Amino acid sequence: MKNTVSEKVPFWLDPKKRAILFQFITLCMVGLLGYYLVSNTLHNLEKQSIATGFGFIHQESSFEIGESLIDYSAASSYGRALIVGALNTLYVSFVGIIITVILGTFIGVARLSTNWLVSRLAAIFIEVMQNIPVLL
């Protein structure tokens, strides 16, 4: 028969309880570190009279952006500049995806070609493009 009375193990010898305690201590330390960093940053910014927040968003930006999908001038606000930047990013990403799909399809078909020269040139292109990040 099994003994129904379980022995009481001190928490420092129980791995599960000890793991929970260590996780709690680590969480508290991370929280205190985060609090210190935020409060120290805010104190130093206040000491140097540097404003925080998004109050600048409605101020005049006074700089030009080369190309934009919507109207933008140097008299526009910083918020408008952020919107123009986001739209330019989306546009360039979309164009890049389209060009990459076309080029990738072309190179993939060339790699599968029965023509030895076309297949090898495509293979060399693929190997070079795959290994450029390693070279950088």
N, C-alpha and C. Protein backbone atom coordinates (compact mmCIF):
# COMPACT_ATOMS: atom_id res chain seq x y z
N MET A 1 0.83 -1.20 0.00
CA MET A 1 0.00 0.00 0.00
C MET A 1 0.86 1.25 0.00
N LYS A 2 0.32 2.23 -0.65
CA LYS A 2 1.05 3.49 -0.70
C LYS A 2 0.80 4.28 0.57
N ASN A 3 1.81 5.03 0.89
CA ASN A 3 1.69 5.90 2.04
C ASN A 3 0.98 7.18 1.59
N THR A 4 -0.16 7.49 2.17
CA THR A 4 -0.94 8.66 1.76
C THR A 4 -0.41 9.94 2.36
N VAL A 5 0.43 9.81 3.36
CA VAL A 5 1.00 11.00 3.98
C VAL A 5 2.25 11.37 3.19
N SER A 6 2.23 12.54 2.58
CA SER A 6 3.39 12.97 1.81
C SER A 6 4.31 13.78 2.72
N GLU A 7 5.57 13.64 2.44
CA GLU A 7 6.54 14.36 3.25
C GLU A 7 6.56 15.82 2.82
N LYS A 8 6.64 16.68 3.79
CA LYS A 8 6.70 18.12 3.53
C LYS A 8 8.15 18.48 3.21
N VAL A 9 8.37 18.93 1.96
CA VAL A 9 9.71 19.29 1.52
C VAL A 9 9.85 20.80 1.64
N PRO A 10 10.95 21.28 2.21
CA PRO A 10 11.15 22.73 2.27
C PRO A 10 11.18 23.33 0.86
N PHE A 11 10.68 24.58 0.74
CA PHE A 11 10.52 25.16 -0.60
C PHE A 11 11.86 25.32 -1.31
N TRP A 12 12.95 25.53 -0.59
CA TRP A 12 14.25 25.70 -1.25
C TRP A 12 14.80 24.40 -1.81
N LEU A 13 14.20 23.26 -1.43
CA LEU A 13 14.61 21.97 -1.98
C LEU A 13 13.64 21.47 -3.06
N ASP A 14 12.49 22.13 -3.19
CA ASP A 14 11.52 21.74 -4.20
C ASP A 14 11.82 22.50 -5.50
N PRO A 15 12.19 21.79 -6.58
CA PRO A 15 12.58 22.48 -7.82
C PRO A 15 11.47 23.36 -8.41
N LYS A 16 10.22 22.93 -8.33
CA LYS A 16 9.12 23.72 -8.91
C LYS A 16 8.93 25.02 -8.15
N LYS A 17 8.91 24.94 -6.83
CA LYS A 17 8.73 26.15 -6.02
C LYS A 17 9.93 27.08 -6.16
N ARG A 18 11.12 26.50 -6.23
CA ARG A 18 12.33 27.29 -6.39
C ARG A 18 12.33 28.00 -7.75
N ALA A 19 11.87 27.32 -8.79
CA ALA A 19 11.80 27.93 -10.12
C ALA A 19 10.83 29.10 -10.13
N ILE A 20 9.68 28.93 -9.48
CA ILE A 20 8.71 30.02 -9.40
C ILE A 20 9.29 31.20 -8.64
N LEU A 21 10.00 30.93 -7.55
CA LEU A 21 10.63 31.99 -6.77
C LEU A 21 11.66 32.74 -7.60
N PHE A 22 12.52 32.02 -8.32
CA PHE A 22 13.53 32.66 -9.15
C PHE A 22 12.89 33.49 -10.27
N GLN A 23 11.81 32.99 -10.86
CA GLN A 23 11.12 33.75 -11.90
C GLN A 23 10.51 35.02 -11.34
N PHE A 24 9.95 34.93 -10.14
CA PHE A 24 9.36 36.10 -9.49
C PHE A 24 10.44 37.14 -9.18
N ILE A 25 11.57 36.69 -8.66
CA ILE A 25 12.67 37.60 -8.35
C ILE A 25 13.19 38.26 -9.63
N THR A 26 13.34 37.48 -10.69
CA THR A 26 13.81 38.03 -11.97
C THR A 26 12.82 39.04 -12.52
N LEU A 27 11.53 38.74 -12.45
CA LEU A 27 10.50 39.67 -12.92
C LEU A 27 10.55 40.97 -12.13
N CYS A 28 10.72 40.87 -10.81
CA CYS A 28 10.82 42.08 -9.99
C CYS A 28 12.05 42.90 -10.36
N MET A 29 13.17 42.23 -10.60
CA MET A 29 14.40 42.95 -10.97
C MET A 29 14.24 43.65 -12.32
N VAL A 30 13.63 42.98 -13.28
CA VAL A 30 13.40 43.60 -14.59
C VAL A 30 12.45 44.79 -14.46
N GLY A 31 11.41 44.63 -13.66
CA GLY A 31 10.48 45.73 -13.43
C GLY A 31 11.15 46.92 -12.77
N LEU A 32 11.98 46.68 -11.76
CA LEU A 32 12.70 47.76 -11.10
C LEU A 32 13.69 48.44 -12.05
N LEU A 33 14.37 47.65 -12.87
CA LEU A 33 15.29 48.22 -13.85
C LEU A 33 14.54 49.11 -14.84
N GLY A 34 13.39 48.63 -15.33
CA GLY A 34 12.58 49.43 -16.24
C GLY A 34 12.10 50.72 -15.60
N TYR A 35 11.65 50.64 -14.34
CA TYR A 35 11.20 51.83 -13.62
C TYR A 35 12.35 52.82 -13.47
N TYR A 36 13.53 52.32 -13.11
CA TYR A 36 14.69 53.19 -12.95
C TYR A 36 15.04 53.88 -14.27
N LEU A 37 15.06 53.13 -15.36
CA LEU A 37 15.42 53.72 -16.66
C LEU A 37 14.42 54.79 -17.08
N VAL A 38 13.14 54.52 -16.93
CA VAL A 38 12.11 55.50 -17.32
C VAL A 38 12.18 56.73 -16.44
N SER A 39 12.25 56.55 -15.12
CA SER A 39 12.27 57.70 -14.22
C SER A 39 13.55 58.52 -14.41
N ASN A 40 14.68 57.86 -14.61
CA ASN A 40 15.94 58.58 -14.82
C ASN A 40 15.90 59.36 -16.13
N THR A 41 15.36 58.76 -17.18
CA THR A 41 15.24 59.44 -18.46
C THR A 41 14.34 60.67 -18.34
N LEU A 42 13.19 60.51 -17.71
CA LEU A 42 12.27 61.64 -17.55
C LEU A 42 12.90 62.75 -16.71
N HIS A 43 13.61 62.38 -15.66
CA HIS A 43 14.27 63.37 -14.80
C HIS A 43 15.32 64.15 -15.59
N ASN A 44 16.15 63.44 -16.36
CA ASN A 44 17.20 64.11 -17.14
C ASN A 44 16.61 64.99 -18.24
N LEU A 45 15.54 64.54 -18.88
CA LEU A 45 14.89 65.37 -19.90
C LEU A 45 14.31 66.64 -19.29
N GLU A 46 13.70 66.50 -18.11
CA GLU A 46 13.12 67.67 -17.44
C GLU A 46 14.21 68.63 -16.99
N LYS A 47 15.32 68.08 -16.52
CA LYS A 47 16.44 68.91 -16.07
C LYS A 47 17.02 69.73 -17.21
N GLN A 48 17.01 69.20 -18.42
CA GLN A 48 17.55 69.90 -19.58
C GLN A 48 16.46 70.65 -20.36
N SER A 49 15.26 70.71 -19.82
CA SER A 49 14.12 71.40 -20.42
C SER A 49 13.80 70.88 -21.82
N ILE A 50 13.82 69.56 -21.98
CA ILE A 50 13.47 68.93 -23.24
C ILE A 50 12.05 68.38 -23.11
N ALA A 51 11.17 68.83 -23.98
CA ALA A 51 9.77 68.40 -23.92
C ALA A 51 9.63 67.01 -24.53
N THR A 52 8.75 66.22 -23.93
CA THR A 52 8.45 64.90 -24.47
C THR A 52 7.02 64.90 -24.98
N GLY A 53 6.67 63.91 -25.75
CA GLY A 53 5.31 63.79 -26.23
C GLY A 53 5.22 64.04 -27.72
N PHE A 54 3.98 64.16 -28.17
CA PHE A 54 3.72 64.32 -29.60
C PHE A 54 3.18 65.71 -29.92
N GLY A 55 3.50 66.69 -29.13
CA GLY A 55 3.06 68.05 -29.38
C GLY A 55 3.63 68.65 -30.65
N PHE A 56 4.77 68.13 -31.09
CA PHE A 56 5.43 68.64 -32.29
C PHE A 56 4.72 68.24 -33.58
N ILE A 57 3.83 67.27 -33.50
CA ILE A 57 3.21 66.67 -34.68
C ILE A 57 2.48 67.73 -35.53
N HIS A 58 1.95 68.76 -34.90
CA HIS A 58 1.18 69.77 -35.62
C HIS A 58 2.02 70.98 -36.02
N GLN A 59 3.30 70.99 -35.66
CA GLN A 59 4.18 72.11 -36.01
C GLN A 59 4.64 71.99 -37.47
N GLU A 60 5.05 73.12 -38.01
CA GLU A 60 5.54 73.15 -39.39
C GLU A 60 6.87 72.39 -39.48
N SER A 61 6.98 71.54 -40.48
CA SER A 61 8.17 70.70 -40.59
C SER A 61 9.36 71.44 -41.18
N SER A 62 9.15 72.36 -42.07
CA SER A 62 10.18 73.19 -42.72
C SER A 62 11.26 72.40 -43.45
N PHE A 63 10.91 71.25 -43.99
CA PHE A 63 11.82 70.52 -44.88
C PHE A 63 11.01 69.89 -46.00
N GLU A 64 11.69 69.66 -47.11
CA GLU A 64 11.04 69.09 -48.29
C GLU A 64 11.27 67.58 -48.34
N ILE A 65 10.34 66.89 -48.96
CA ILE A 65 10.49 65.47 -49.25
C ILE A 65 10.44 65.35 -50.76
N GLY A 66 11.44 64.68 -51.33
CA GLY A 66 11.61 64.62 -52.78
C GLY A 66 10.37 64.17 -53.53
N GLU A 67 9.88 63.00 -53.22
CA GLU A 67 8.71 62.47 -53.92
C GLU A 67 7.66 62.10 -52.89
N SER A 68 6.41 62.36 -53.23
CA SER A 68 5.34 61.96 -52.32
C SER A 68 4.10 61.63 -53.13
N LEU A 69 3.31 60.73 -52.61
CA LEU A 69 2.07 60.34 -53.28
C LEU A 69 0.94 61.31 -53.00
N ILE A 70 1.07 62.10 -51.93
CA ILE A 70 0.08 63.12 -51.60
C ILE A 70 0.79 64.47 -51.55
N ASP A 71 0.01 65.55 -51.57
CA ASP A 71 0.60 66.89 -51.56
C ASP A 71 1.39 67.11 -50.28
N TYR A 72 2.59 67.65 -50.43
CA TYR A 72 3.45 67.95 -49.29
C TYR A 72 4.36 69.11 -49.65
N SER A 73 4.53 70.03 -48.71
CA SER A 73 5.46 71.15 -48.89
C SER A 73 6.18 71.38 -47.57
N ALA A 74 7.14 72.28 -47.57
CA ALA A 74 7.89 72.58 -46.35
C ALA A 74 6.99 73.20 -45.29
N ALA A 75 5.87 73.75 -45.68
CA ALA A 75 4.95 74.36 -44.72
C ALA A 75 4.02 73.33 -44.08
N SER A 76 4.08 72.09 -44.53
CA SER A 76 3.23 71.04 -43.96
C SER A 76 3.72 70.65 -42.57
N SER A 77 2.87 69.95 -41.84
CA SER A 77 3.21 69.57 -40.46
C SER A 77 4.07 68.31 -40.44
N TYR A 78 4.65 68.05 -39.26
CA TYR A 78 5.42 66.82 -39.07
C TYR A 78 4.53 65.59 -39.23
N GLY A 79 3.28 65.70 -38.81
CA GLY A 79 2.34 64.59 -38.98
C GLY A 79 2.14 64.25 -40.45
N ARG A 80 2.01 65.28 -41.26
CA ARG A 80 1.88 65.06 -42.71
C ARG A 80 3.15 64.42 -43.28
N ALA A 81 4.31 64.84 -42.77
CA ALA A 81 5.58 64.25 -43.22
C ALA A 81 5.64 62.78 -42.84
N LEU A 82 5.16 62.41 -41.66
CA LEU A 82 5.13 61.01 -41.26
C LEU A 82 4.21 60.19 -42.17
N ILE A 83 3.07 60.77 -42.52
CA ILE A 83 2.14 60.07 -43.42
C ILE A 83 2.77 59.90 -44.80
N VAL A 84 3.42 60.95 -45.30
CA VAL A 84 4.10 60.87 -46.60
C VAL A 84 5.18 59.80 -46.56
N GLY A 85 5.95 59.75 -45.48
CA GLY A 85 6.99 58.74 -45.34
C GLY A 85 6.43 57.33 -45.31
N ALA A 86 5.33 57.14 -44.59
CA ALA A 86 4.70 55.81 -44.54
C ALA A 86 4.16 55.41 -45.92
N LEU A 87 3.53 56.35 -46.62
CA LEU A 87 3.01 56.04 -47.96
C LEU A 87 4.14 55.75 -48.94
N ASN A 88 5.24 56.50 -48.85
CA ASN A 88 6.39 56.22 -49.71
C ASN A 88 6.97 54.85 -49.42
N THR A 89 7.02 54.47 -48.15
CA THR A 89 7.52 53.14 -47.78
C THR A 89 6.63 52.05 -48.36
N LEU A 90 5.32 52.21 -48.24
CA LEU A 90 4.39 51.23 -48.79
C LEU A 90 4.52 51.13 -50.31
N TYR A 91 4.66 52.28 -50.97
CA TYR A 91 4.80 52.29 -52.43
C TYR A 91 6.06 51.57 -52.88
N VAL A 92 7.19 51.90 -52.25
CA VAL A 92 8.46 51.27 -52.63
C VAL A 92 8.41 49.78 -52.32
N SER A 93 7.80 49.40 -51.21
CA SER A 93 7.68 47.98 -50.88
C SER A 93 6.84 47.25 -51.91
N PHE A 94 5.73 47.84 -52.31
CA PHE A 94 4.86 47.21 -53.31
C PHE A 94 5.58 47.04 -54.64
N VAL A 95 6.24 48.09 -55.09
CA VAL A 95 6.98 48.01 -56.36
C VAL A 95 8.10 46.97 -56.26
N GLY A 96 8.80 46.95 -55.14
CA GLY A 96 9.86 45.97 -54.94
C GLY A 96 9.35 44.54 -54.95
N ILE A 97 8.20 44.31 -54.33
CA ILE A 97 7.61 42.97 -54.32
C ILE A 97 7.24 42.54 -55.73
N ILE A 98 6.63 43.43 -56.49
CA ILE A 98 6.24 43.10 -57.87
C ILE A 98 7.47 42.76 -58.71
N ILE A 99 8.49 43.61 -58.65
CA ILE A 99 9.71 43.35 -59.43
C ILE A 99 10.38 42.06 -58.99
N THR A 100 10.41 41.80 -57.69
CA THR A 100 11.04 40.59 -57.18
C THR A 100 10.30 39.34 -57.63
N VAL A 101 8.98 39.39 -57.62
CA VAL A 101 8.20 38.22 -58.08
C VAL A 101 8.48 37.94 -59.55
N ILE A 102 8.50 38.99 -60.36
CA ILE A 102 8.76 38.81 -61.79
C ILE A 102 10.18 38.27 -62.01
N LEU A 103 11.17 38.89 -61.37
CA LEU A 103 12.56 38.44 -61.53
C LEU A 103 12.75 37.03 -60.98
N GLY A 104 12.15 36.74 -59.82
CA GLY A 104 12.28 35.40 -59.24
C GLY A 104 11.66 34.33 -60.11
N THR A 105 10.51 34.63 -60.69
CA THR A 105 9.87 33.66 -61.59
C THR A 105 10.74 33.43 -62.82
N PHE A 106 11.25 34.51 -63.40
CA PHE A 106 12.11 34.40 -64.58
C PHE A 106 13.37 33.58 -64.28
N ILE A 107 14.03 33.88 -63.17
CA ILE A 107 15.26 33.16 -62.81
C ILE A 107 14.95 31.71 -62.46
N GLY A 108 13.83 31.47 -61.78
CA GLY A 108 13.45 30.10 -61.44
C GLY A 108 13.18 29.25 -62.66
N VAL A 109 12.48 29.82 -63.63
CA VAL A 109 12.22 29.09 -64.87
C VAL A 109 13.53 28.87 -65.63
N ALA A 110 14.39 29.89 -65.64
CA ALA A 110 15.69 29.74 -66.31
C ALA A 110 16.53 28.66 -65.64
N ARG A 111 16.44 28.55 -64.33
CA ARG A 111 17.21 27.52 -63.60
C ARG A 111 16.74 26.12 -63.98
N LEU A 112 15.47 25.98 -64.27
CA LEU A 112 14.91 24.67 -64.64
C LEU A 112 15.00 24.40 -66.15
N SER A 113 15.59 25.32 -66.88
CA SER A 113 15.69 25.17 -68.34
C SER A 113 16.56 23.97 -68.71
N THR A 114 16.25 23.39 -69.87
CA THR A 114 17.07 22.29 -70.37
C THR A 114 18.31 22.80 -71.09
N ASN A 115 18.34 24.08 -71.40
CA ASN A 115 19.51 24.70 -72.01
C ASN A 115 20.60 24.80 -70.95
N TRP A 116 21.74 24.18 -71.21
CA TRP A 116 22.82 24.10 -70.21
C TRP A 116 23.31 25.49 -69.81
N LEU A 117 23.55 26.38 -70.76
CA LEU A 117 24.09 27.71 -70.48
C LEU A 117 23.11 28.55 -69.66
N VAL A 118 21.85 28.57 -70.06
CA VAL A 118 20.83 29.35 -69.33
C VAL A 118 20.69 28.82 -67.91
N SER A 119 20.66 27.51 -67.76
CA SER A 119 20.53 26.89 -66.45
C SER A 119 21.72 27.24 -65.55
N ARG A 120 22.93 27.18 -66.08
CA ARG A 120 24.13 27.47 -65.28
C ARG A 120 24.21 28.96 -64.93
N LEU A 121 23.87 29.83 -65.87
CA LEU A 121 23.87 31.27 -65.56
C LEU A 121 22.86 31.60 -64.46
N ALA A 122 21.69 30.98 -64.53
CA ALA A 122 20.68 31.20 -63.48
C ALA A 122 21.18 30.65 -62.15
N ALA A 123 21.85 29.49 -62.18
CA ALA A 123 22.39 28.91 -60.94
C ALA A 123 23.46 29.81 -60.34
N ILE A 124 24.32 30.37 -61.18
CA ILE A 124 25.36 31.29 -60.69
C ILE A 124 24.71 32.53 -60.09
N PHE A 125 23.70 33.08 -60.76
CA PHE A 125 22.99 34.25 -60.23
C PHE A 125 22.38 33.94 -58.87
N ILE A 126 21.74 32.79 -58.74
CA ILE A 126 21.11 32.40 -57.48
C ILE A 126 22.16 32.26 -56.38
N GLU A 127 23.26 31.58 -56.67
CA GLU A 127 24.31 31.39 -55.66
C GLU A 127 24.92 32.72 -55.23
N VAL A 128 25.16 33.60 -56.17
CA VAL A 128 25.74 34.90 -55.83
C VAL A 128 24.77 35.70 -54.96
N MET A 129 23.49 35.75 -55.35
CA MET A 129 22.50 36.52 -54.60
C MET A 129 22.26 35.93 -53.21
N GLN A 130 22.30 34.62 -53.08
CA GLN A 130 22.09 34.00 -51.77
C GLN A 130 23.27 34.25 -50.84
N ASN A 131 24.46 34.37 -51.38
CA ASN A 131 25.65 34.49 -50.54
C ASN A 131 26.13 35.92 -50.34
N ILE A 132 25.47 36.90 -50.94
CA ILE A 132 25.88 38.29 -50.72
C ILE A 132 25.77 38.69 -49.25
N PRO A 133 24.70 38.35 -48.51
CA PRO A 133 24.67 38.73 -47.09
C PRO A 133 25.84 38.15 -46.30
N VAL A 134 26.31 36.97 -46.67
CA VAL A 134 27.44 36.37 -45.98
C VAL A 134 28.71 37.18 -46.26
N LEU A 135 28.83 37.70 -47.47
CA LEU A 135 30.01 38.50 -47.82
C LEU A 135 30.01 39.85 -47.12
N LEU A 136 28.84 40.40 -46.86
CA LEU A 136 28.76 41.71 -46.22
C LEU A 136 29.06 41.56 -44.75
